[in-house]
Every structure is written in C-alpha cells, then in structure tokens.
Amino acid sequence: MKMPTMAEVVAEEATLQFTKFDNQTALAIGNQLVALAQERHAAVTIDITRCRQQLFHAALPGTAIDNDEWLKRKINVVYQFGVSSFINSLK
C-alpha cells in the first residue's frame, strides 16, 4: 500500500467534512463501524470524541486497555496540534 503524500491527506481532510455532526451522528457512525468490525471479526477499539466529550466508545473482543490508552494519545495529538495524528506524522 502506497503511503499518501501530505498534500493528499490534507486535501482529503478538507473534503471529508460533515455538514452536521451531533451525538446522534456519532452513535450512527459508531454503530456502523462496530457492525463492520464484527463482520470482519476485527479486534478494534472505536472512540468518537468531539470537544473532549466522548460520544461513542466500543472495545470489541480481543482488545485490551492498551488500545484505549493508544486512542487517548491519538486524541491528545489532535487537541495539541489541531490536525489528525496521521497528518502530524507526515510533517
């Protein structure tokens, strides 16, 4: 898999914007992600946070507290730098 360029990621982030994002949106997206992960038997932890409020969280079988801690670090990077941790890693 080819690693995207910084320009590609920034353009994608600018394009993929919600016109509305509220608690119901977070719940709908979270539930869709859980269903997809279950279909694929994926051991994932899903967290949707807005303005430091956790709106959705699910830890599927096979995950551990380490996954939660990793997510906290990723979220903190976003709050520190104002961009996704992936964009920050490309700098």
C-alpha atoms as a PDB file:
ATOM      1  CA  MET A   1       0.000   0.000   0.000  1.00  0.00           C
ATOM      2  CA  LYS A   2       1.423   3.359  -1.085  1.00  0.00           C
ATOM      3  CA  MET A   3       1.776   5.948   1.680  1.00  0.00           C
ATOM      4  CA  PRO A   4      -0.213   9.077   0.753  1.00  0.00           C
ATOM      5  CA  THR A   5       1.535  12.416   0.456  1.00  0.00           C
ATOM      6  CA  MET A   6       0.912  15.250   2.893  1.00  0.00           C
ATOM      7  CA  ALA A   7      -0.959  17.150   0.159  1.00  0.00           C
ATOM      8  CA  GLU A   8      -3.246  14.166  -0.485  1.00  0.00           C
ATOM      9  CA  VAL A   9      -4.087  13.742   3.179  1.00  0.00           C
ATOM     10  CA  VAL A  10      -4.694  17.468   3.724  1.00  0.00           C
ATOM     11  CA  ALA A  11      -6.937  17.586   0.638  1.00  0.00           C
ATOM     12  CA  GLU A  12      -8.872  14.532   1.843  1.00  0.00           C
ATOM     13  CA  GLU A  13      -9.314  16.010   5.309  1.00  0.00           C
ATOM     14  CA  ALA A  14     -10.585  19.271   3.797  1.00  0.00           C
ATOM     15  CA  THR A  15     -13.013  17.409   1.533  1.00  0.00           C
ATOM     16  CA  LEU A  16     -14.408  14.980   4.096  1.00  0.00           C
ATOM     17  CA  GLN A  17     -16.299  17.427   6.282  1.00  0.00           C
ATOM     18  CA  PHE A  18     -19.652  16.890   7.958  1.00  0.00           C
ATOM     19  CA  THR A  19     -22.397  19.422   7.321  1.00  0.00           C
ATOM     20  CA  LYS A  20     -23.826  18.343  10.684  1.00  0.00           C
ATOM     21  CA  PHE A  21     -22.230  16.332  13.473  1.00  0.00           C
ATOM     22  CA  ASP A  22     -24.046  15.706  16.720  1.00  0.00           C
ATOM     23  CA  ASN A  23     -24.446  12.928  19.264  1.00  0.00           C
ATOM     24  CA  GLN A  24     -26.851  11.022  17.001  1.00  0.00           C
ATOM     25  CA  THR A  25     -24.362  11.211  14.131  1.00  0.00           C
ATOM     26  CA  ALA A  26     -21.625   9.835  16.385  1.00  0.00           C
ATOM     27  CA  LEU A  27     -23.885   6.996  17.510  1.00  0.00           C
ATOM     28  CA  ALA A  28     -24.853   6.100  13.940  1.00  0.00           C
ATOM     29  CA  ILE A  29     -21.235   6.111  12.740  1.00  0.00           C
ATOM     30  CA  GLY A  30     -20.060   4.189  15.794  1.00  0.00           C
ATOM     31  CA  ASN A  31     -22.709   1.523  15.338  1.00  0.00           C
ATOM     32  CA  GLN A  32     -21.839   1.168  11.639  1.00  0.00           C
ATOM     33  CA  LEU A  33     -18.156   0.757  12.497  1.00  0.00           C
ATOM     34  CA  VAL A  34     -18.961  -1.868  15.139  1.00  0.00           C
ATOM     35  CA  ALA A  35     -21.135  -3.813  12.681  1.00  0.00           C
ATOM     36  CA  LEU A  36     -18.399  -3.716  10.028  1.00  0.00           C
ATOM     37  CA  ALA A  37     -15.736  -4.793  12.521  1.00  0.00           C
ATOM     38  CA  GLN A  38     -17.907  -7.664  13.739  1.00  0.00           C
ATOM     39  CA  GLU A  39     -18.486  -8.852  10.154  1.00  0.00           C
ATOM     40  CA  ARG A  40     -14.712  -8.906   9.685  1.00  0.00           C
ATOM     41  CA  HIS A  41     -14.034 -10.418  13.129  1.00  0.00           C
ATOM     42  CA  ALA A  42     -11.745  -7.459  13.803  1.00  0.00           C
ATOM     43  CA  ALA A  43     -10.440  -6.776  17.280  1.00  0.00           C
ATOM     44  CA  VAL A  44     -10.766  -2.993  17.363  1.00  0.00           C
ATOM     45  CA  THR A  45     -11.484  -0.222  19.808  1.00  0.00           C
ATOM     46  CA  ILE A  46     -13.615   2.603  18.432  1.00  0.00           C
ATOM     47  CA  ASP A  47     -13.796   6.041  20.001  1.00  0.00           C
ATOM     48  CA  ILE A  48     -15.627   9.100  18.708  1.00  0.00           C
ATOM     49  CA  THR A  49     -14.879  12.265  20.631  1.00  0.00           C
ATOM     50  CA  ARG A  50     -15.919  15.862  19.996  1.00  0.00           C
ATOM     51  CA  CYS A  51     -14.609  18.817  22.023  1.00  0.00           C
ATOM     52  CA  ARG A  52     -13.184  16.393  24.594  1.00  0.00           C
ATOM     53  CA  GLN A  53     -16.579  14.748  25.134  1.00  0.00           C
ATOM     54  CA  GLN A  54     -16.605  11.040  24.388  1.00  0.00           C
ATOM     55  CA  LEU A  55     -19.713  10.452  22.271  1.00  0.00           C
ATOM     56  CA  PHE A  56     -19.139   6.790  21.398  1.00  0.00           C
ATOM     57  CA  HIS A  57     -16.808   4.068  22.620  1.00  0.00           C
ATOM     58  CA  ALA A  58     -16.677   0.346  21.901  1.00  0.00           C
ATOM     59  CA  ALA A  59     -13.975  -2.184  22.716  1.00  0.00           C
ATOM     60  CA  LEU A  60     -14.567  -5.386  20.776  1.00  0.00           C
ATOM     61  CA  PRO A  61     -13.358  -8.835  21.846  1.00  0.00           C
ATOM     62  CA  GLY A  62      -9.617  -9.208  21.504  1.00  0.00           C
ATOM     63  CA  THR A  63      -8.814  -5.653  22.580  1.00  0.00           C
ATOM     64  CA  ALA A  64      -7.138  -4.540  25.796  1.00  0.00           C
ATOM     65  CA  ILE A  65      -6.622  -1.449  27.915  1.00  0.00           C
ATOM     66  CA  ASP A  66      -3.579  -0.704  25.742  1.00  0.00           C
ATOM     67  CA  ASN A  67      -5.947   0.068  22.864  1.00  0.00           C
ATOM     68  CA  ASP A  68      -7.803   2.620  24.996  1.00  0.00           C
ATOM     69  CA  GLU A  69      -4.538   4.229  26.067  1.00  0.00           C
ATOM     70  CA  TRP A  70      -3.325   4.385  22.445  1.00  0.00           C
ATOM     71  CA  LEU A  71      -6.564   6.137  21.455  1.00  0.00           C
ATOM     72  CA  LYS A  72      -6.144   8.670  24.265  1.00  0.00           C
ATOM     73  CA  ARG A  73      -2.681   9.515  22.941  1.00  0.00           C
ATOM     74  CA  LYS A  74      -4.017   9.907  19.386  1.00  0.00           C
ATOM     75  CA  ILE A  75      -6.820  12.180  20.607  1.00  0.00           C
ATOM     76  CA  ASN A  76      -4.354  14.278  22.606  1.00  0.00           C
ATOM     77  CA  VAL A  77      -2.227  14.806  19.470  1.00  0.00           C
ATOM     78  CA  VAL A  78      -5.279  16.182  17.670  1.00  0.00           C
ATOM     79  CA  TYR A  79      -6.025  18.603  20.502  1.00  0.00           C
ATOM     80  CA  GLN A  80      -2.367  19.650  20.756  1.00  0.00           C
ATOM     81  CA  PHE A  81      -1.745  20.272  17.040  1.00  0.00           C
ATOM     82  CA  GLY A  82      -5.233  20.825  15.596  1.00  0.00           C
ATOM     83  CA  VAL A  83      -4.852  18.175  12.884  1.00  0.00           C
ATOM     84  CA  SER A  84      -5.127  14.420  12.717  1.00  0.00           C
ATOM     85  CA  SER A  85      -2.250  12.467  14.174  1.00  0.00           C
ATOM     86  CA  PHE A  86      -1.664  10.979  10.711  1.00  0.00           C
ATOM     87  CA  ILE A  87      -1.122  14.431   9.181  1.00  0.00           C
ATOM     88  CA  ASN A  88       1.106  15.351  12.098  1.00  0.00           C
ATOM     89  CA  SER A  89       3.218  12.218  11.459  1.00  0.00           C
ATOM     90  CA  LEU A  90       3.802  13.254   7.829  1.00  0.00           C
ATOM     91  CA  LYS A  91       5.308  16.615   8.795  1.00  0.00           C
END
